[in-house]
Amino acid sequence: MEIRPYDSGDADALWELKRGFELGLGSGTGGDDKQAKYEGKLTDTYRARYLDWVGRCVDEDERCVTVAVDDGDLVGYVFVLPESLAFVWDAAVLNEIYLDPDYRGTGAGDDLMDAALSFARDLDLPLDRIVLDVDRENDRAQAFYERWGFSHWGEMVARDL
């Protein structure tokens, strides 16, 4: 398994992993309405905007997006927002971490988290912490984050615009 920074040649494979991440958010942690919302946003326009944003973040610091590669294929990624966005939560923000289900339990997720924490420690942050949003109903993700020492800091609430 190779853990390395993302590059623009990875865009198509990153998008496929991102789709898996998004579809996983809506599956099993809410009703059909939640799943439909996540599925519905995965348009070509969203893809282009997302990959442009990834590119801007990586241009700021290539370590924002780190990928796991097995035999030439991307199998996972972690995306930590660049330092310029640290004031969103006064912290490093772990925006996304995703690993192909076939690679869960192999240690690749730990390698990605190691890369995320290493990057976050190098940022000039208002508060020395890393935050993320995780669904309370996602037991698998909750267990992973708890194993890494994450604890509840508060709770995010949302409403439709």
N, C-alpha and C. Protein backbone atom coordinates (compact mmCIF):
# COMPACT_ATOMS: atom_id res chain seq x y z
N MET A 1 0.85 -1.17 0.00
CA MET A 1 0.00 0.00 0.00
C MET A 1 0.90 1.24 0.00
N GLU A 2 0.62 2.14 -0.90
CA GLU A 2 1.35 3.41 -0.97
C GLU A 2 0.42 4.52 -0.48
N ILE A 3 0.95 5.36 0.40
CA ILE A 3 0.23 6.54 0.89
C ILE A 3 1.01 7.73 0.35
N ARG A 4 0.32 8.57 -0.44
CA ARG A 4 1.02 9.69 -1.09
C ARG A 4 0.05 10.84 -1.32
N PRO A 5 0.60 12.03 -1.60
CA PRO A 5 -0.28 13.16 -1.92
C PRO A 5 -1.05 12.90 -3.22
N TYR A 6 -2.25 13.42 -3.28
CA TYR A 6 -3.08 13.40 -4.48
C TYR A 6 -2.41 14.24 -5.55
N ASP A 7 -2.59 13.84 -6.82
CA ASP A 7 -2.22 14.72 -7.93
C ASP A 7 -3.35 14.72 -8.94
N SER A 8 -3.34 15.70 -9.82
CA SER A 8 -4.48 15.89 -10.72
C SER A 8 -4.75 14.68 -11.61
N GLY A 9 -3.77 13.85 -11.84
CA GLY A 9 -3.98 12.62 -12.61
C GLY A 9 -4.85 11.61 -11.89
N ASP A 10 -5.09 11.84 -10.61
CA ASP A 10 -5.94 10.95 -9.79
C ASP A 10 -7.40 11.36 -9.81
N ALA A 11 -7.75 12.41 -10.56
CA ALA A 11 -9.08 13.01 -10.45
C ALA A 11 -10.21 12.02 -10.68
N ASP A 12 -10.16 11.24 -11.73
CA ASP A 12 -11.26 10.30 -12.01
C ASP A 12 -11.42 9.28 -10.89
N ALA A 13 -10.30 8.74 -10.43
CA ALA A 13 -10.36 7.74 -9.36
C ALA A 13 -10.81 8.37 -8.04
N LEU A 14 -10.34 9.60 -7.77
CA LEU A 14 -10.79 10.28 -6.56
C LEU A 14 -12.30 10.51 -6.61
N TRP A 15 -12.80 10.89 -7.77
CA TRP A 15 -14.24 11.11 -7.89
C TRP A 15 -15.02 9.83 -7.59
N GLU A 16 -14.56 8.71 -8.08
CA GLU A 16 -15.26 7.45 -7.79
C GLU A 16 -15.27 7.15 -6.30
N LEU A 17 -14.15 7.42 -5.62
CA LEU A 17 -14.12 7.24 -4.16
C LEU A 17 -15.04 8.24 -3.48
N LYS A 18 -15.04 9.48 -3.95
CA LYS A 18 -15.92 10.51 -3.39
C LYS A 18 -17.38 10.09 -3.53
N ARG A 19 -17.74 9.51 -4.66
CA ARG A 19 -19.11 9.00 -4.84
C ARG A 19 -19.43 7.95 -3.76
N GLY A 20 -18.48 7.05 -3.52
CA GLY A 20 -18.67 6.04 -2.48
C GLY A 20 -18.85 6.67 -1.11
N PHE A 21 -18.05 7.70 -0.84
CA PHE A 21 -18.18 8.43 0.42
C PHE A 21 -19.57 9.03 0.55
N GLU A 22 -20.00 9.76 -0.47
CA GLU A 22 -21.30 10.44 -0.42
C GLU A 22 -22.45 9.45 -0.33
N LEU A 23 -22.42 8.39 -1.10
CA LEU A 23 -23.49 7.41 -1.07
C LEU A 23 -23.53 6.68 0.27
N GLY A 24 -22.37 6.51 0.88
CA GLY A 24 -22.30 5.89 2.20
C GLY A 24 -22.91 6.77 3.28
N LEU A 25 -22.82 8.10 3.09
CA LEU A 25 -23.40 9.01 4.08
C LEU A 25 -24.91 8.85 4.18
N GLY A 26 -25.54 8.59 3.06
CA GLY A 26 -26.99 8.50 3.05
C GLY A 26 -27.52 7.11 3.29
N SER A 27 -26.65 6.12 3.34
CA SER A 27 -27.08 4.73 3.44
C SER A 27 -27.02 4.24 4.88
N GLY A 28 -28.14 3.84 5.40
CA GLY A 28 -28.18 3.21 6.71
C GLY A 28 -28.10 4.17 7.89
N THR A 29 -28.07 5.47 7.65
CA THR A 29 -28.01 6.42 8.76
C THR A 29 -29.13 7.44 8.67
N GLY A 30 -30.18 7.07 8.02
CA GLY A 30 -31.32 7.97 7.86
C GLY A 30 -32.32 7.32 6.93
N GLY A 31 -33.38 7.99 6.69
CA GLY A 31 -34.42 7.45 5.83
C GLY A 31 -34.09 7.59 4.35
N ASP A 32 -35.04 7.18 3.53
CA ASP A 32 -34.86 7.26 2.08
C ASP A 32 -34.63 8.69 1.62
N ASP A 33 -35.22 9.65 2.31
CA ASP A 33 -35.07 11.06 1.94
C ASP A 33 -33.60 11.48 2.04
N LYS A 34 -32.93 11.06 3.11
CA LYS A 34 -31.51 11.41 3.29
C LYS A 34 -30.68 10.81 2.18
N GLN A 35 -30.88 9.54 1.90
CA GLN A 35 -30.12 8.88 0.85
C GLN A 35 -30.37 9.54 -0.50
N ALA A 36 -31.61 9.89 -0.79
CA ALA A 36 -31.95 10.54 -2.05
C ALA A 36 -31.26 11.89 -2.19
N LYS A 37 -31.14 12.64 -1.09
CA LYS A 37 -30.46 13.94 -1.14
C LYS A 37 -28.99 13.76 -1.53
N TYR A 38 -28.31 12.80 -0.92
CA TYR A 38 -26.90 12.58 -1.24
C TYR A 38 -26.74 12.08 -2.67
N GLU A 39 -27.59 11.17 -3.09
CA GLU A 39 -27.51 10.67 -4.47
C GLU A 39 -27.79 11.78 -5.47
N GLY A 40 -28.78 12.63 -5.17
CA GLY A 40 -29.21 13.66 -6.10
C GLY A 40 -28.18 14.74 -6.37
N LYS A 41 -27.25 14.95 -5.45
CA LYS A 41 -26.28 16.02 -5.67
C LYS A 41 -25.10 15.59 -6.54
N LEU A 42 -24.96 14.31 -6.80
CA LEU A 42 -23.78 13.80 -7.51
C LEU A 42 -23.91 13.98 -9.02
N THR A 43 -24.06 15.21 -9.44
CA THR A 43 -24.21 15.56 -10.85
C THR A 43 -22.84 15.84 -11.47
N ASP A 44 -22.83 15.99 -12.78
CA ASP A 44 -21.59 16.37 -13.47
C ASP A 44 -21.11 17.74 -13.00
N THR A 45 -22.04 18.65 -12.75
CA THR A 45 -21.68 19.99 -12.27
C THR A 45 -21.04 19.90 -10.90
N TYR A 46 -21.62 19.10 -10.01
CA TYR A 46 -21.05 18.93 -8.67
C TYR A 46 -19.65 18.32 -8.79
N ARG A 47 -19.49 17.33 -9.64
CA ARG A 47 -18.19 16.69 -9.85
C ARG A 47 -17.14 17.72 -10.24
N ALA A 48 -17.46 18.55 -11.23
CA ALA A 48 -16.51 19.56 -11.71
C ALA A 48 -16.17 20.55 -10.60
N ARG A 49 -17.18 21.01 -9.88
CA ARG A 49 -16.94 21.97 -8.81
C ARG A 49 -16.11 21.36 -7.69
N TYR A 50 -16.41 20.12 -7.33
CA TYR A 50 -15.67 19.43 -6.27
C TYR A 50 -14.20 19.27 -6.67
N LEU A 51 -13.96 18.78 -7.86
CA LEU A 51 -12.57 18.56 -8.29
C LEU A 51 -11.82 19.88 -8.44
N ASP A 52 -12.50 20.94 -8.85
CA ASP A 52 -11.86 22.27 -8.89
C ASP A 52 -11.46 22.70 -7.48
N TRP A 53 -12.36 22.48 -6.52
CA TRP A 53 -12.08 22.85 -5.13
C TRP A 53 -10.91 22.03 -4.58
N VAL A 54 -10.91 20.74 -4.86
CA VAL A 54 -9.78 19.90 -4.44
C VAL A 54 -8.49 20.49 -5.01
N GLY A 55 -8.51 20.84 -6.29
CA GLY A 55 -7.32 21.41 -6.92
C GLY A 55 -6.85 22.68 -6.24
N ARG A 56 -7.78 23.55 -5.88
CA ARG A 56 -7.40 24.80 -5.20
C ARG A 56 -6.80 24.50 -3.83
N CYS A 57 -7.39 23.56 -3.11
CA CYS A 57 -6.84 23.21 -1.79
C CYS A 57 -5.45 22.59 -1.93
N VAL A 58 -5.28 21.69 -2.88
CA VAL A 58 -3.99 21.04 -3.10
C VAL A 58 -2.95 22.04 -3.59
N ASP A 59 -3.39 23.03 -4.38
CA ASP A 59 -2.46 24.08 -4.79
C ASP A 59 -1.93 24.84 -3.58
N GLU A 60 -2.78 25.01 -2.58
CA GLU A 60 -2.36 25.70 -1.36
C GLU A 60 -1.39 24.84 -0.55
N ASP A 61 -1.69 23.55 -0.44
CA ASP A 61 -0.80 22.62 0.26
C ASP A 61 -1.11 21.21 -0.23
N GLU A 62 -0.13 20.59 -0.87
CA GLU A 62 -0.38 19.27 -1.49
C GLU A 62 -0.78 18.21 -0.49
N ARG A 63 -0.51 18.42 0.80
CA ARG A 63 -0.86 17.40 1.79
C ARG A 63 -2.32 17.45 2.21
N CYS A 64 -3.09 18.41 1.67
CA CYS A 64 -4.52 18.47 2.01
C CYS A 64 -5.24 17.18 1.65
N VAL A 65 -4.88 16.60 0.53
CA VAL A 65 -5.51 15.35 0.10
C VAL A 65 -4.42 14.30 -0.06
N THR A 66 -4.56 13.24 0.70
CA THR A 66 -3.63 12.12 0.66
C THR A 66 -4.41 10.90 0.20
N VAL A 67 -3.81 10.12 -0.67
CA VAL A 67 -4.49 8.94 -1.22
C VAL A 67 -3.77 7.66 -0.81
N ALA A 68 -4.54 6.59 -0.75
CA ALA A 68 -4.00 5.25 -0.55
C ALA A 68 -4.10 4.54 -1.89
N VAL A 69 -2.99 3.96 -2.32
CA VAL A 69 -2.91 3.33 -3.64
C VAL A 69 -2.45 1.89 -3.46
N ASP A 70 -3.17 0.98 -4.07
CA ASP A 70 -2.80 -0.43 -4.05
C ASP A 70 -2.68 -0.92 -5.49
N ASP A 71 -1.50 -1.34 -5.87
CA ASP A 71 -1.25 -1.86 -7.21
C ASP A 71 -1.73 -0.89 -8.30
N GLY A 72 -1.47 0.40 -8.07
CA GLY A 72 -1.82 1.42 -9.05
C GLY A 72 -3.23 1.97 -8.95
N ASP A 73 -4.06 1.39 -8.11
CA ASP A 73 -5.46 1.83 -7.98
C ASP A 73 -5.67 2.60 -6.69
N LEU A 74 -6.35 3.76 -6.78
CA LEU A 74 -6.72 4.49 -5.57
C LEU A 74 -7.79 3.69 -4.84
N VAL A 75 -7.55 3.47 -3.54
CA VAL A 75 -8.50 2.71 -2.74
C VAL A 75 -9.02 3.50 -1.55
N GLY A 76 -8.48 4.70 -1.35
CA GLY A 76 -8.93 5.52 -0.25
C GLY A 76 -8.30 6.89 -0.31
N TYR A 77 -8.85 7.79 0.51
CA TYR A 77 -8.29 9.14 0.59
C TYR A 77 -8.69 9.79 1.90
N VAL A 78 -7.93 10.80 2.26
CA VAL A 78 -8.27 11.66 3.39
C VAL A 78 -8.06 13.09 2.91
N PHE A 79 -8.98 13.97 3.31
CA PHE A 79 -8.98 15.36 2.87
C PHE A 79 -9.08 16.24 4.12
N VAL A 80 -8.00 16.93 4.42
CA VAL A 80 -7.96 17.89 5.52
C VAL A 80 -7.92 19.28 4.89
N LEU A 81 -8.78 20.17 5.34
CA LEU A 81 -8.83 21.50 4.75
C LEU A 81 -7.52 22.24 4.97
N PRO A 82 -7.17 23.11 4.03
CA PRO A 82 -5.90 23.85 4.17
C PRO A 82 -5.95 24.85 5.32
N GLU A 83 -4.78 25.30 5.71
CA GLU A 83 -4.64 26.21 6.84
C GLU A 83 -5.49 27.48 6.68
N SER A 84 -5.66 27.96 5.47
CA SER A 84 -6.43 29.18 5.25
C SER A 84 -7.89 29.04 5.70
N LEU A 85 -8.37 27.81 5.87
CA LEU A 85 -9.75 27.58 6.31
C LEU A 85 -9.83 27.16 7.78
N ALA A 86 -8.72 27.26 8.51
CA ALA A 86 -8.70 26.83 9.91
C ALA A 86 -9.66 27.62 10.79
N PHE A 87 -10.01 28.84 10.36
CA PHE A 87 -10.90 29.64 11.19
C PHE A 87 -12.36 29.24 11.04
N VAL A 88 -12.65 28.29 10.16
CA VAL A 88 -14.02 27.79 10.07
C VAL A 88 -14.43 27.21 11.43
N TRP A 89 -13.59 26.41 12.03
CA TRP A 89 -13.86 25.82 13.34
C TRP A 89 -12.75 26.13 14.33
N ASP A 90 -11.87 27.09 14.02
CA ASP A 90 -10.69 27.39 14.85
C ASP A 90 -9.85 26.14 15.07
N ALA A 91 -9.76 25.32 14.05
CA ALA A 91 -9.08 24.04 14.18
C ALA A 91 -8.76 23.49 12.80
N ALA A 92 -8.00 22.42 12.78
CA ALA A 92 -7.87 21.65 11.55
C ALA A 92 -9.20 20.95 11.32
N VAL A 93 -9.60 20.84 10.06
CA VAL A 93 -10.87 20.21 9.74
C VAL A 93 -10.61 18.98 8.87
N LEU A 94 -10.94 17.82 9.41
CA LEU A 94 -10.89 16.60 8.63
C LEU A 94 -12.20 16.57 7.84
N ASN A 95 -12.10 16.97 6.59
CA ASN A 95 -13.29 17.13 5.76
C ASN A 95 -13.86 15.77 5.35
N GLU A 96 -13.01 14.88 4.91
CA GLU A 96 -13.46 13.56 4.45
C GLU A 96 -12.36 12.54 4.65
N ILE A 97 -12.74 11.35 5.02
CA ILE A 97 -11.86 10.19 4.96
C ILE A 97 -12.72 9.04 4.46
N TYR A 98 -12.19 8.33 3.47
CA TYR A 98 -12.97 7.24 2.89
C TYR A 98 -12.01 6.15 2.42
N LEU A 99 -12.42 4.93 2.63
CA LEU A 99 -11.65 3.77 2.20
C LEU A 99 -12.62 2.78 1.55
N ASP A 100 -12.24 2.31 0.38
CA ASP A 100 -13.04 1.29 -0.30
C ASP A 100 -13.36 0.17 0.70
N PRO A 101 -14.61 -0.27 0.76
CA PRO A 101 -14.98 -1.30 1.74
C PRO A 101 -14.10 -2.55 1.70
N ASP A 102 -13.57 -2.91 0.53
CA ASP A 102 -12.71 -4.09 0.44
C ASP A 102 -11.38 -3.90 1.18
N TYR A 103 -11.02 -2.66 1.50
CA TYR A 103 -9.74 -2.37 2.14
C TYR A 103 -9.89 -1.99 3.61
N ARG A 104 -11.11 -2.00 4.11
CA ARG A 104 -11.31 -1.70 5.53
C ARG A 104 -10.77 -2.86 6.36
N GLY A 105 -10.12 -2.53 7.44
CA GLY A 105 -9.52 -3.55 8.29
C GLY A 105 -8.12 -3.96 7.86
N THR A 106 -7.57 -3.31 6.85
CA THR A 106 -6.23 -3.66 6.36
C THR A 106 -5.13 -2.78 6.94
N GLY A 107 -5.50 -1.74 7.66
CA GLY A 107 -4.54 -0.77 8.16
C GLY A 107 -4.42 0.46 7.29
N ALA A 108 -5.01 0.44 6.10
CA ALA A 108 -4.92 1.59 5.20
C ALA A 108 -5.63 2.81 5.80
N GLY A 109 -6.74 2.60 6.47
CA GLY A 109 -7.44 3.71 7.12
C GLY A 109 -6.58 4.35 8.20
N ASP A 110 -5.84 3.53 8.94
CA ASP A 110 -4.92 4.06 9.95
C ASP A 110 -3.80 4.86 9.30
N ASP A 111 -3.30 4.38 8.17
CA ASP A 111 -2.26 5.11 7.46
C ASP A 111 -2.77 6.47 6.99
N LEU A 112 -4.00 6.51 6.50
CA LEU A 112 -4.59 7.77 6.07
C LEU A 112 -4.79 8.71 7.26
N MET A 113 -5.26 8.18 8.39
CA MET A 113 -5.45 9.03 9.57
C MET A 113 -4.10 9.54 10.07
N ASP A 114 -3.08 8.70 10.05
CA ASP A 114 -1.73 9.16 10.42
C ASP A 114 -1.31 10.35 9.56
N ALA A 115 -1.55 10.26 8.26
CA ALA A 115 -1.18 11.34 7.34
C ALA A 115 -1.98 12.61 7.67
N ALA A 116 -3.27 12.45 7.96
CA ALA A 116 -4.11 13.60 8.28
C ALA A 116 -3.62 14.29 9.55
N LEU A 117 -3.33 13.52 10.58
CA LEU A 117 -2.88 14.11 11.85
C LEU A 117 -1.51 14.75 11.71
N SER A 118 -0.63 14.13 10.95
CA SER A 118 0.69 14.72 10.71
C SER A 118 0.56 16.07 10.03
N PHE A 119 -0.27 16.14 9.00
CA PHE A 119 -0.51 17.40 8.31
C PHE A 119 -1.11 18.43 9.26
N ALA A 120 -2.14 18.03 10.01
CA ALA A 120 -2.82 18.95 10.92
C ALA A 120 -1.86 19.51 11.97
N ARG A 121 -0.97 18.70 12.47
CA ARG A 121 -0.01 19.17 13.49
C ARG A 121 0.92 20.25 12.95
N ASP A 122 1.13 20.26 11.66
CA ASP A 122 2.02 21.25 11.04
C ASP A 122 1.32 22.57 10.73
N LEU A 123 0.00 22.62 10.89
CA LEU A 123 -0.74 23.84 10.59
C LEU A 123 -0.65 24.83 11.75
N ASP A 124 -0.72 26.11 11.44
CA ASP A 124 -0.78 27.16 12.45
C ASP A 124 -2.26 27.38 12.75
N LEU A 125 -2.73 26.79 13.83
CA LEU A 125 -4.16 26.75 14.15
C LEU A 125 -4.50 27.64 15.34
N PRO A 126 -5.72 28.21 15.35
CA PRO A 126 -6.15 28.96 16.53
C PRO A 126 -6.21 28.08 17.78
N LEU A 127 -6.70 26.86 17.65
CA LEU A 127 -6.74 25.88 18.73
C LEU A 127 -6.12 24.59 18.21
N ASP A 128 -5.29 23.96 19.01
CA ASP A 128 -4.64 22.72 18.59
C ASP A 128 -5.60 21.55 18.72
N ARG A 129 -6.42 21.41 17.70
CA ARG A 129 -7.37 20.29 17.65
C ARG A 129 -7.74 20.05 16.19
N ILE A 130 -8.27 18.88 15.96
CA ILE A 130 -8.81 18.53 14.64
C ILE A 130 -10.25 18.11 14.86
N VAL A 131 -11.13 18.58 14.01
CA VAL A 131 -12.55 18.30 14.15
C VAL A 131 -13.07 17.64 12.87
N LEU A 132 -14.19 16.98 13.01
CA LEU A 132 -14.87 16.38 11.88
C LEU A 132 -16.33 16.22 12.21
N ASP A 133 -17.11 16.03 11.18
CA ASP A 133 -18.55 15.80 11.33
C ASP A 133 -18.78 14.32 11.05
N VAL A 134 -19.42 13.64 12.00
CA VAL A 134 -19.72 12.22 11.81
C VAL A 134 -21.14 11.96 12.29
N ASP A 135 -21.87 11.17 11.55
CA ASP A 135 -23.24 10.83 11.90
C ASP A 135 -23.24 9.93 13.13
N ARG A 136 -24.03 10.30 14.11
CA ARG A 136 -24.10 9.48 15.33
C ARG A 136 -24.61 8.06 15.07
N GLU A 137 -25.31 7.86 13.96
CA GLU A 137 -25.83 6.54 13.64
C GLU A 137 -24.83 5.68 12.87
N ASN A 138 -23.66 6.23 12.53
CA ASN A 138 -22.66 5.48 11.78
C ASN A 138 -21.70 4.82 12.78
N ASP A 139 -22.10 3.66 13.28
CA ASP A 139 -21.35 2.98 14.33
C ASP A 139 -19.93 2.63 13.90
N ARG A 140 -19.75 2.22 12.65
CA ARG A 140 -18.42 1.84 12.17
C ARG A 140 -17.48 3.04 12.22
N ALA A 141 -17.94 4.18 11.71
CA ALA A 141 -17.11 5.39 11.73
C ALA A 141 -16.88 5.86 13.17
N GLN A 142 -17.92 5.82 13.98
CA GLN A 142 -17.78 6.24 15.38
C GLN A 142 -16.68 5.42 16.07
N ALA A 143 -16.68 4.11 15.87
CA ALA A 143 -15.68 3.25 16.50
C ALA A 143 -14.28 3.59 16.01
N PHE A 144 -14.13 3.85 14.72
CA PHE A 144 -12.82 4.22 14.17
C PHE A 144 -12.31 5.50 14.82
N TYR A 145 -13.16 6.52 14.88
CA TYR A 145 -12.73 7.80 15.45
C TYR A 145 -12.46 7.70 16.94
N GLU A 146 -13.27 6.95 17.66
CA GLU A 146 -13.03 6.75 19.09
C GLU A 146 -11.69 6.06 19.32
N ARG A 147 -11.37 5.08 18.48
CA ARG A 147 -10.09 4.39 18.60
C ARG A 147 -8.93 5.36 18.42
N TRP A 148 -9.15 6.40 17.62
CA TRP A 148 -8.12 7.41 17.38
C TRP A 148 -8.16 8.55 18.40
N GLY A 149 -8.99 8.45 19.42
CA GLY A 149 -9.01 9.43 20.49
C GLY A 149 -9.93 10.62 20.27
N PHE A 150 -10.78 10.55 19.26
CA PHE A 150 -11.76 11.62 19.06
C PHE A 150 -12.88 11.47 20.09
N SER A 151 -13.39 12.58 20.56
CA SER A 151 -14.54 12.55 21.46
C SER A 151 -15.50 13.66 21.03
N HIS A 152 -16.72 13.55 21.49
CA HIS A 152 -17.75 14.52 21.10
C HIS A 152 -17.41 15.89 21.67
N TRP A 153 -17.49 16.89 20.83
CA TRP A 153 -17.18 18.26 21.21
C TRP A 153 -18.45 19.09 21.26
N GLY A 154 -19.41 18.68 20.57
CA GLY A 154 -20.68 19.38 20.46
C GLY A 154 -21.52 18.60 19.46
N GLU A 155 -22.51 19.22 18.97
CA GLU A 155 -23.33 18.56 17.96
C GLU A 155 -23.71 19.56 16.91
N MET A 156 -23.57 19.16 15.66
CA MET A 156 -23.94 20.02 14.55
C MET A 156 -25.44 19.90 14.32
N VAL A 157 -26.05 21.01 14.04
CA VAL A 157 -27.45 21.02 13.66
C VAL A 157 -27.54 21.66 12.28
N ALA A 158 -28.59 21.35 11.55
CA ALA A 158 -28.73 21.86 10.19
C ALA A 158 -30.20 22.10 9.88
N ARG A 159 -30.43 22.92 8.87
CA ARG A 159 -31.77 23.11 8.36
C ARG A 159 -31.67 23.40 6.88
N ASP A 160 -32.73 23.12 6.18
CA ASP A 160 -32.77 23.42 4.75
C ASP A 160 -32.81 24.93 4.54
N LEU A 161 -32.24 25.38 3.43
CA LEU A 161 -32.29 26.80 3.07
C LEU A 161 -33.48 27.08 2.20
